[in-house]
Each structure stands twice: as C-alpha cells, then as structure tokens.
Amino acid sequence: MNDDEVTSNVHKKIDREKALINAANAMRQSTNNPAVLSRLDTQLRDGRRNIEYLEGRLRELQMRRVGADMETMRLGPGSNGGPAPPVHGGAGPQQGGSRYPPA
C-alpha cells in the first residue's frame, strides 16, 4: 500500500470516528439513564483519543512525504546535497585562452 492509500485510509478512519462522536453526542442528549450516559462518555473519550492518534499518524505520513520529496529535489550527480560543480567547455583564461569570443 502506498502513502496515498494509507493517507486516504487514515482520513476515512478520522471521518468514521467523528461520525461516531456525533452519534454518541446525539444519544447523550436523548437519555437520562446513568449507565447509558457513562457508556457514551467512554465512547466519546475513546473517539477523541482515536482521532488524536490518527491525526498524529497523518502528520507522520506528511513528514515522510516531505522528506521523500526533498530527496528527489537534491541537486548534483552524486546527490550529496550540494550544488553541482560548474561545467567548463573549452579553454578558459587559466589555460591561455581568452574569456571573450574572437571579434
């Protein structure tokens, strides 16, 4: 599974947790039963904790993607992170030639 699929799956899980939280909140407002309220409170806490974890996972995936993108942007034939050395074509002033074209 590639990073795009993993990211998509994490987003779907976050959306699912948000839907469960919304449902638990709606149920919570429609009952006075202490046992049900306690169970719903637990579900709400678990849902929020799950969302925090999943959002952290998304940040990790994004950081990994940024790192991979930076690797592909590196310059130079050796990919050592520095700029590529200048390319010299022909004799320069150090070799007795002129730096200006003949007139």
C-alpha atoms as a PDB file:
ATOM      1  CA  MET A   1       0.000   0.000   0.000  1.00  0.00           C
ATOM      2  CA  ASN A   2       1.481   3.364  -0.989  1.00  0.00           C
ATOM      3  CA  ASP A   3       1.437   6.534   1.105  1.00  0.00           C
ATOM      4  CA  ASP A   4      -1.553   7.996  -0.764  1.00  0.00           C
ATOM      5  CA  GLU A   5      -3.672   4.944   0.041  1.00  0.00           C
ATOM      6  CA  VAL A   6      -2.568   4.967   3.675  1.00  0.00           C
ATOM      7  CA  THR A   7      -3.356   8.684   3.950  1.00  0.00           C
ATOM      8  CA  SER A   8      -6.771   8.122   2.401  1.00  0.00           C
ATOM      9  CA  ASN A   9      -7.497   5.267   4.818  1.00  0.00           C
ATOM     10  CA  VAL A  10      -6.485   7.396   7.806  1.00  0.00           C
ATOM     11  CA  HIS A  11      -8.774  10.204   6.633  1.00  0.00           C
ATOM     12  CA  LYS A  12     -11.650   7.714   6.336  1.00  0.00           C
ATOM     13  CA  LYS A  13     -10.990   6.455   9.863  1.00  0.00           C
ATOM     14  CA  ILE A  14     -10.976  10.013  11.200  1.00  0.00           C
ATOM     15  CA  ASP A  15     -14.286  10.700   9.446  1.00  0.00           C
ATOM     16  CA  ARG A  16     -15.727   7.499  10.929  1.00  0.00           C
ATOM     17  CA  GLU A  17     -14.620   8.469  14.441  1.00  0.00           C
ATOM     18  CA  LYS A  18     -16.167  11.927  14.021  1.00  0.00           C
ATOM     19  CA  ALA A  19     -19.445  10.332  12.920  1.00  0.00           C
ATOM     20  CA  LEU A  20     -19.388   8.044  15.969  1.00  0.00           C
ATOM     21  CA  ILE A  21     -18.735  11.017  18.247  1.00  0.00           C
ATOM     22  CA  ASN A  22     -21.631  12.944  16.704  1.00  0.00           C
ATOM     23  CA  ALA A  23     -23.927   9.930  17.155  1.00  0.00           C
ATOM     24  CA  ALA A  24     -22.829   9.475  20.771  1.00  0.00           C
ATOM     25  CA  ASN A  25     -23.474  13.174  21.461  1.00  0.00           C
ATOM     26  CA  ALA A  26     -26.959  12.910  19.949  1.00  0.00           C
ATOM     27  CA  MET A  27     -27.720   9.812  22.036  1.00  0.00           C
ATOM     28  CA  ARG A  28     -26.354  11.511  25.132  1.00  0.00           C
ATOM     29  CA  GLN A  29     -28.813  14.372  24.732  1.00  0.00           C
ATOM     30  CA  SER A  30     -31.749  11.988  24.386  1.00  0.00           C
ATOM     31  CA  THR A  31     -31.315   9.968  27.596  1.00  0.00           C
ATOM     32  CA  ASN A  32     -31.073  10.409  31.331  1.00  0.00           C
ATOM     33  CA  ASN A  33     -30.067   6.817  32.070  1.00  0.00           C
ATOM     34  CA  PRO A  34     -26.808   6.987  34.096  1.00  0.00           C
ATOM     35  CA  ALA A  35     -25.496   3.678  32.754  1.00  0.00           C
ATOM     36  CA  VAL A  36     -26.054   4.759  29.157  1.00  0.00           C
ATOM     37  CA  LEU A  37     -24.530   8.182  29.828  1.00  0.00           C
ATOM     38  CA  SER A  38     -21.459   6.565  31.352  1.00  0.00           C
ATOM     39  CA  ARG A  39     -21.028   4.262  28.363  1.00  0.00           C
ATOM     40  CA  LEU A  40     -21.468   7.183  25.958  1.00  0.00           C
ATOM     41  CA  ASP A  41     -18.909   9.249  27.866  1.00  0.00           C
ATOM     42  CA  THR A  42     -16.445   6.388  27.488  1.00  0.00           C
ATOM     43  CA  GLN A  43     -17.182   6.183  23.763  1.00  0.00           C
ATOM     44  CA  LEU A  44     -16.679   9.928  23.400  1.00  0.00           C
ATOM     45  CA  ARG A  45     -13.315   9.784  25.203  1.00  0.00           C
ATOM     46  CA  ASP A  46     -12.199   6.815  23.105  1.00  0.00           C
ATOM     47  CA  GLY A  47     -13.282   8.534  19.895  1.00  0.00           C
ATOM     48  CA  ARG A  48     -11.372  11.710  20.744  1.00  0.00           C
ATOM     49  CA  ARG A  49      -8.298   9.712  21.679  1.00  0.00           C
ATOM     50  CA  ASN A  50      -8.527   7.754  18.422  1.00  0.00           C
ATOM     51  CA  ILE A  51      -8.788  10.987  16.426  1.00  0.00           C
ATOM     52  CA  GLU A  52      -5.715  12.395  18.190  1.00  0.00           C
ATOM     53  CA  TYR A  53      -3.767   9.235  17.338  1.00  0.00           C
ATOM     54  CA  LEU A  54      -4.928   9.223  13.710  1.00  0.00           C
ATOM     55  CA  GLU A  55      -4.110  12.913  13.252  1.00  0.00           C
ATOM     56  CA  GLY A  56      -0.625  12.214  14.629  1.00  0.00           C
ATOM     57  CA  ARG A  57      -0.301   9.385  12.126  1.00  0.00           C
ATOM     58  CA  LEU A  58      -1.299  11.780   9.348  1.00  0.00           C
ATOM     59  CA  ARG A  59       1.397  14.240  10.450  1.00  0.00           C
ATOM     60  CA  GLU A  60       3.968  11.419  10.364  1.00  0.00           C
ATOM     61  CA  LEU A  61       2.894  10.455   6.859  1.00  0.00           C
ATOM     62  CA  GLN A  62       3.080  14.073   5.711  1.00  0.00           C
ATOM     63  CA  MET A  63       6.560  14.469   7.199  1.00  0.00           C
ATOM     64  CA  ARG A  64       7.680  11.271   5.491  1.00  0.00           C
ATOM     65  CA  ARG A  65       6.278  12.556   2.194  1.00  0.00           C
ATOM     66  CA  VAL A  66       8.080  15.892   2.623  1.00  0.00           C
ATOM     67  CA  GLY A  67      11.320  14.038   3.356  1.00  0.00           C
ATOM     68  CA  ALA A  68      10.894  11.896   0.246  1.00  0.00           C
ATOM     69  CA  ASP A  69      10.121  14.973  -1.833  1.00  0.00           C
ATOM     70  CA  MET A  70      13.276  16.657  -0.527  1.00  0.00           C
ATOM     71  CA  GLU A  71      15.334  13.614  -1.538  1.00  0.00           C
ATOM     72  CA  THR A  72      14.059  13.819  -5.115  1.00  0.00           C
ATOM     73  CA  MET A  73      14.858  17.533  -5.268  1.00  0.00           C
ATOM     74  CA  ARG A  74      18.536  17.113  -4.394  1.00  0.00           C
ATOM     75  CA  LEU A  75      20.968  18.536  -6.913  1.00  0.00           C
ATOM     76  CA  GLY A  76      24.208  17.230  -8.286  1.00  0.00           C
ATOM     77  CA  PRO A  77      25.291  13.959  -9.837  1.00  0.00           C
ATOM     78  CA  GLY A  78      26.384  12.491  -6.506  1.00  0.00           C
ATOM     79  CA  SER A  79      23.264  13.671  -4.653  1.00  0.00           C
ATOM     80  CA  ASN A  80      25.461  14.867  -1.821  1.00  0.00           C
ATOM     81  CA  GLY A  81      23.174  17.804  -1.133  1.00  0.00           C
ATOM     82  CA  GLY A  82      25.477  20.474  -2.526  1.00  0.00           C
ATOM     83  CA  PRO A  83      25.160  22.253  -5.825  1.00  0.00           C
ATOM     84  CA  ALA A  84      26.527  20.622  -8.929  1.00  0.00           C
ATOM     85  CA  PRO A  85      30.036  21.710  -9.903  1.00  0.00           C
ATOM     86  CA  PRO A  86      30.257  24.193 -12.772  1.00  0.00           C
ATOM     87  CA  VAL A  87      30.673  22.775 -16.245  1.00  0.00           C
ATOM     88  CA  HIS A  88      33.540  24.259 -18.271  1.00  0.00           C
ATOM     89  CA  GLY A  89      33.522  23.988 -22.014  1.00  0.00           C
ATOM     90  CA  GLY A  90      36.839  24.638 -23.655  1.00  0.00           C
ATOM     91  CA  ALA A  91      39.937  26.583 -22.750  1.00  0.00           C
ATOM     92  CA  GLY A  92      39.482  29.322 -20.211  1.00  0.00           C
ATOM     93  CA  PRO A  93      41.866  32.066 -19.117  1.00  0.00           C
ATOM     94  CA  GLN A  94      43.772  29.589 -16.916  1.00  0.00           C
ATOM     95  CA  GLN A  95      44.757  27.616 -19.989  1.00  0.00           C
ATOM     96  CA  GLY A  96      45.919  30.504 -22.148  1.00  0.00           C
ATOM     97  CA  GLY A  97      42.619  31.105 -23.899  1.00  0.00           C
ATOM     98  CA  SER A  98      40.557  34.265 -23.887  1.00  0.00           C
ATOM     99  CA  ARG A  99      37.345  34.595 -21.953  1.00  0.00           C
ATOM    100  CA  TYR A 100      35.855  36.636 -24.838  1.00  0.00           C
ATOM    101  CA  PRO A 101      34.894  35.219 -28.244  1.00  0.00           C
ATOM    102  CA  PRO A 102      37.040  36.298 -31.220  1.00  0.00           C
ATOM    103  CA  ALA A 103      35.897  39.501 -32.879  1.00  0.00           C
END
